């Protein structure tokens, strides 16, 4: 297993400790369980590039193809 360190706000750390105690689990075991559930319930969260996740949005906006090729759009650039 790989070790991981993370910082939690006091309130969240308290909730984690309480939940782990109630379930008679370690905090690490509870976090692993929660992460497993998260990734099984959200298959897109475990993989996919930004482009793949937003593929339904690509090309949905109309406008000029490439403003950098039209010198009139660059007239005030850098001023």
Protein backbone atom coordinates (compact mmCIF):
# COMPACT_ATOMS: atom_id res chain seq x y z
CA UNK A 1 0.00 0.00 0.00
CA UNK A 2 1.02 3.57 -0.61
CA UNK A 3 1.10 6.04 2.26
CA UNK A 4 -0.65 9.37 1.89
CA UNK A 5 -0.77 12.40 4.13
CA UNK A 6 -3.52 14.99 4.03
CA UNK A 7 -4.64 17.96 6.05
CA UNK A 8 -8.23 18.14 7.29
CA UNK A 9 -10.11 20.98 8.94
CA UNK A 10 -10.67 20.28 12.63
CA UNK A 11 -14.42 19.77 12.16
CA UNK A 12 -13.93 17.19 9.41
CA UNK A 13 -11.22 15.39 11.36
CA UNK A 14 -13.61 15.19 14.31
CA UNK A 15 -16.38 13.74 12.14
CA UNK A 16 -13.95 11.18 10.72
CA UNK A 17 -12.78 10.14 14.20
CA UNK A 18 -16.36 9.82 15.46
CA UNK A 19 -17.50 7.78 12.45
CA UNK A 20 -14.47 5.48 12.65
CA UNK A 21 -15.06 4.94 16.38
CA UNK A 22 -18.77 4.17 15.83
CA UNK A 23 -17.95 1.65 13.09
CA UNK A 24 -15.07 0.18 15.10
CA UNK A 25 -12.69 0.87 12.21
CA UNK A 26 -9.49 2.80 11.87
CA UNK A 27 -9.70 6.20 10.22
CA UNK A 28 -7.55 4.86 7.38
CA UNK A 29 -9.91 1.93 6.75
CA UNK A 30 -12.90 4.26 6.73
CA UNK A 31 -11.26 6.68 4.28
CA UNK A 32 -10.35 3.75 1.98
CA UNK A 33 -13.96 2.53 2.11
CA UNK A 34 -15.30 6.00 1.33
CA UNK A 35 -12.88 6.43 -1.60
CA UNK A 36 -13.77 3.00 -3.01
CA UNK A 37 -17.47 3.87 -2.83
CA UNK A 38 -16.86 7.28 -4.43
CA UNK A 39 -14.98 5.82 -7.39
CA UNK A 40 -17.45 2.98 -7.93
CA UNK A 41 -20.44 5.39 -7.84
CA UNK A 42 -18.69 7.96 -10.08
CA UNK A 43 -16.93 6.07 -12.88
CA UNK A 44 -15.92 9.30 -14.65
CA UNK A 45 -14.11 10.45 -11.52
CA UNK A 46 -11.60 7.61 -11.83
CA UNK A 47 -10.52 8.37 -15.40
CA UNK A 48 -10.87 10.72 -18.29
CA UNK A 49 -9.10 13.80 -19.48
CA UNK A 50 -10.67 17.22 -19.23
CA UNK A 51 -11.45 17.02 -22.94
CA UNK A 52 -13.14 13.64 -22.56
CA UNK A 53 -15.23 14.86 -19.63
CA UNK A 54 -16.33 17.99 -21.54
CA UNK A 55 -16.67 16.34 -24.95
CA UNK A 56 -20.39 17.11 -25.13
CA UNK A 57 -19.56 20.82 -24.82
CA UNK A 58 -16.79 20.98 -27.43
CA UNK A 59 -17.96 22.93 -30.46
CA UNK A 60 -21.25 24.09 -28.93
CA UNK A 61 -20.30 27.80 -29.11
CA UNK A 62 -20.17 29.74 -32.34
CA UNK A 63 -17.64 32.45 -33.03
CA UNK A 64 -14.49 33.25 -34.98
CA UNK A 65 -12.24 30.24 -35.46
CA UNK A 66 -8.94 31.71 -34.33
CA UNK A 67 -8.62 35.31 -33.17
CA UNK A 68 -4.83 35.14 -33.29
CA UNK A 69 -4.90 35.02 -37.10
CA UNK A 70 -6.89 38.23 -37.48
CA UNK A 71 -4.54 41.17 -36.96
CA UNK A 72 -7.41 43.59 -36.23
CA UNK A 73 -8.04 41.69 -32.97
CA UNK A 74 -4.40 42.17 -31.99
CA UNK A 75 -4.32 45.96 -32.52
CA UNK A 76 -4.30 46.87 -28.80
CA UNK A 77 -2.53 43.75 -27.56
CA UNK A 78 0.15 44.54 -24.97
CA UNK A 79 -0.89 48.14 -24.35
